Amino acid sequence: MNVKFSQLAVLAALAGPLSAAERRHAYLEDGSGARIEIATIDIASDGAYAVTMTERAFSDHFLSMRPFKCVEGPEKTWCHVPYPYTIRRDISTDLTDLEYDFLFVWKGKGDYGINMWNGVYYRMARSGDALRGVLHELDMDLLASPPAADDLRPLGPQDIVESDPDSHWLPRLIIE
């Protein structure tokens, strides 16, 4: 599947407090509560959703021989990594597919290339009408080759490591 950064349209059934037709905004949030809007999520009344990344939040970078859209911070740069393989994009039973839509990798401000070991995975949970993601670490090299055709969720709990939120620039993803 060829994913375009500016319009990542996906369908999913959606249960719970987000089931009505509406537009939500996705923000990366730093430790002090300052937010950067990175996407809008349009949710249809039938539960289908479409994610559109917010272009103005990102700058273009060419790192390790490939293009990235990145959010630049004072000490670290957060680069979006669109999930390259097929998934259901169905969050009716859990939020895993949505978590796959917001994968990032970070690099130090002065680093030349990018190390896919520095993957960022936001573990999502419902919190009232909002969705809140907490930063976990992930070796993105695990996604270097396509999963088996019937494995739409190749990352297991053993691949996603809890992180110290104070050790990262953007420890939270908020959707409201």
Protein backbone atom coordinates (compact mmCIF):
# COMPACT_ATOMS: atom_id res chain seq x y z
CA MET A 1 0.00 0.00 0.00
CA ASN A 2 1.42 3.37 -0.99
CA VAL A 3 0.83 5.85 1.84
CA LYS A 4 0.72 9.58 1.09
CA PHE A 5 1.77 11.78 3.99
CA SER A 6 -0.79 14.51 3.41
CA GLN A 7 -3.83 12.24 3.13
CA LEU A 8 -3.72 8.90 4.91
CA ALA A 9 -7.34 7.79 4.51
CA VAL A 10 -8.32 4.64 6.31
CA LEU A 11 -11.54 2.90 7.32
CA ALA A 12 -12.33 1.45 10.71
CA ALA A 13 -15.24 0.55 12.91
CA LEU A 14 -15.17 2.63 16.06
CA ALA A 15 -16.89 1.90 19.35
CA GLY A 16 -17.21 3.87 22.55
CA PRO A 17 -17.26 7.62 23.09
CA LEU A 18 -15.86 8.45 19.64
CA SER A 19 -18.68 6.80 17.65
CA ALA A 20 -20.49 9.97 16.46
CA ALA A 21 -19.51 11.83 13.29
CA GLU A 22 -16.87 14.36 14.29
CA ARG A 23 -13.42 15.77 13.75
CA ARG A 24 -10.69 15.14 16.31
CA HIS A 25 -7.21 16.65 16.54
CA ALA A 26 -4.03 14.74 17.39
CA TYR A 27 -1.34 16.48 19.42
CA LEU A 28 2.13 15.58 20.59
CA GLU A 29 2.55 16.93 24.11
CA ASP A 30 5.76 17.74 25.95
CA GLY A 31 6.42 17.36 29.67
CA SER A 32 5.14 20.86 30.48
CA GLY A 33 1.85 20.33 28.62
CA ALA A 34 2.74 22.35 25.50
CA ARG A 35 1.15 20.77 22.42
CA ILE A 36 1.95 20.49 18.73
CA GLU A 37 -0.99 19.61 16.48
CA ILE A 38 0.16 16.88 14.12
CA ALA A 39 -3.05 15.54 12.54
CA THR A 40 -6.79 15.70 12.21
CA ILE A 41 -8.90 12.59 12.41
CA ASP A 42 -12.32 12.60 10.76
CA ILE A 43 -14.59 10.00 12.27
CA ALA A 44 -17.79 9.06 10.43
CA SER A 45 -20.96 8.04 12.24
CA ASP A 46 -20.37 4.44 11.09
CA GLY A 47 -16.95 4.45 12.76
CA ALA A 48 -14.78 4.89 9.66
CA TYR A 49 -11.92 7.34 10.14
CA ALA A 50 -9.44 9.23 8.03
CA VAL A 51 -6.15 10.65 9.30
CA THR A 52 -4.66 13.74 7.68
CA MET A 53 -1.24 14.78 8.92
CA THR A 54 -0.86 18.53 9.56
CA GLU A 55 1.80 19.64 7.07
CA ARG A 56 2.71 22.87 8.90
CA ALA A 57 3.84 20.92 11.97
CA PHE A 58 6.52 19.07 10.02
CA SER A 59 9.66 19.92 8.09
CA ASP A 60 11.29 17.80 5.39
CA HIS A 61 14.43 15.84 6.26
CA PHE A 62 16.48 13.39 4.21
CA LEU A 63 17.96 10.96 6.73
CA SER A 64 19.76 7.67 6.18
CA MET A 65 18.92 7.76 2.47
CA ARG A 66 15.16 8.31 2.81
CA PRO A 67 12.77 11.23 3.24
CA PHE A 68 11.08 11.94 6.56
CA LYS A 69 8.57 14.51 7.81
CA CYS A 70 9.83 15.66 11.19
CA VAL A 71 8.90 17.87 14.13
CA GLU A 72 11.96 19.73 15.36
CA GLY A 73 12.54 20.29 19.05
CA PRO A 74 15.22 22.00 21.08
CA GLU A 75 17.30 18.84 21.57
CA LYS A 76 15.52 16.08 19.63
CA THR A 77 13.74 15.71 16.32
CA TRP A 78 10.65 13.49 16.04
CA CYS A 79 10.15 11.93 12.58
CA HIS A 80 6.86 10.34 11.51
CA VAL A 81 7.16 6.82 10.11
CA PRO A 82 4.00 5.91 8.16
CA TYR A 83 3.24 2.24 8.73
CA PRO A 84 4.08 0.67 5.35
CA TYR A 85 2.01 -2.52 5.48
CA THR A 86 -1.66 -3.42 5.44
CA ILE A 87 -3.59 -3.29 8.68
CA ARG A 88 -7.34 -3.31 9.28
CA ARG A 89 -7.41 0.14 10.81
CA ASP A 90 -10.25 -1.07 12.99
CA ILE A 91 -10.35 0.20 16.55
CA SER A 92 -13.69 -1.28 17.55
CA THR A 93 -12.09 -3.72 20.00
CA ASP A 94 -8.78 -2.00 20.77
CA LEU A 95 -6.66 0.95 19.63
CA THR A 96 -3.72 -0.97 18.17
CA ASP A 97 -4.36 -0.01 14.54
CA LEU A 98 -4.52 3.67 15.50
CA GLU A 99 -1.24 3.26 17.38
CA TYR A 100 0.31 2.02 14.12
CA ASP A 101 -0.79 5.25 12.38
CA PHE A 102 1.33 7.34 14.76
CA LEU A 103 4.75 5.69 14.73
CA PHE A 104 7.77 7.96 15.09
CA VAL A 105 11.52 7.69 15.35
CA TRP A 106 13.63 10.29 17.16
CA LYS A 107 17.13 11.58 16.61
CA GLY A 108 19.33 13.96 18.53
CA LYS A 109 19.39 17.51 17.16
CA GLY A 110 23.03 17.24 16.02
CA ASP A 111 22.85 13.65 14.73
CA TYR A 112 23.52 13.24 11.01
CA GLY A 113 21.42 10.16 10.27
CA ILE A 114 18.66 8.30 11.97
CA ASN A 115 18.81 5.14 14.07
CA MET A 116 15.67 3.04 13.65
CA TRP A 117 16.39 1.59 17.09
CA ASN A 118 14.98 4.88 18.46
CA GLY A 119 11.39 4.07 17.56
CA VAL A 120 8.49 5.72 19.36
CA TYR A 121 5.22 3.86 19.89
CA TYR A 122 2.36 5.59 21.69
CA ARG A 123 0.31 3.03 23.65
CA MET A 124 -3.24 4.44 23.45
CA ALA A 125 -6.07 4.28 25.99
CA ARG A 126 -9.48 5.89 26.25
CA SER A 127 -9.74 8.70 28.80
CA GLY A 128 -13.27 10.12 28.85
CA ASP A 129 -13.94 11.52 25.39
CA ALA A 130 -10.23 11.66 24.54
CA LEU A 131 -7.60 9.12 23.58
CA ARG A 132 -4.28 9.40 25.37
CA GLY A 133 -1.08 7.76 24.26
CA VAL A 134 1.96 7.20 26.46
CA LEU A 135 5.39 6.92 24.85
CA HIS A 136 6.92 3.46 24.63
CA GLU A 137 10.12 2.52 22.86
CA LEU A 138 10.35 0.27 19.83
CA ASP A 139 13.13 -1.00 17.58
CA MET A 140 11.71 0.03 14.18
CA ASP A 141 14.07 -2.41 12.46
CA LEU A 142 11.44 -5.01 13.37
CA LEU A 143 9.32 -3.50 10.57
CA ALA A 144 12.05 -3.63 7.92
CA SER A 145 10.51 -6.63 6.18
CA PRO A 146 6.84 -7.27 5.51
CA PRO A 147 4.99 -9.47 7.99
CA ALA A 148 3.28 -12.68 6.91
CA ALA A 149 0.20 -12.01 4.78
CA ASP A 150 -2.21 -12.91 7.57
CA ASP A 151 -0.29 -11.06 10.32
CA LEU A 152 -1.79 -7.57 10.37
CA ARG A 153 -0.36 -6.74 13.79
CA PRO A 154 3.24 -7.97 13.73
CA LEU A 155 4.40 -6.11 16.83
CA GLY A 156 3.92 -8.02 20.06
CA PRO A 157 4.08 -6.91 23.69
CA GLN A 158 7.69 -8.09 23.85
CA ASP A 159 8.60 -5.58 21.08
CA ILE A 160 7.13 -2.49 22.77
CA VAL A 161 9.06 -1.37 25.84
CA GLU A 162 7.77 0.97 28.54
CA SER A 163 9.82 4.16 28.70
CA ASP A 164 10.58 6.86 31.23
CA PRO A 165 8.40 9.78 30.07
CA ASP A 166 10.79 12.33 31.61
CA SER A 167 13.60 11.11 29.35
CA HIS A 168 11.85 12.18 26.12
CA TRP A 169 10.77 15.46 24.59
CA LEU A 170 7.22 14.40 23.57
CA PRO A 171 6.05 11.69 25.98
CA ARG A 172 2.33 11.91 25.13
CA LEU A 173 0.00 11.73 22.12
CA ILE A 174 -3.44 13.24 22.78
CA ILE A 175 -6.46 12.86 20.49
CA GLU A 176 -9.48 15.01 21.36
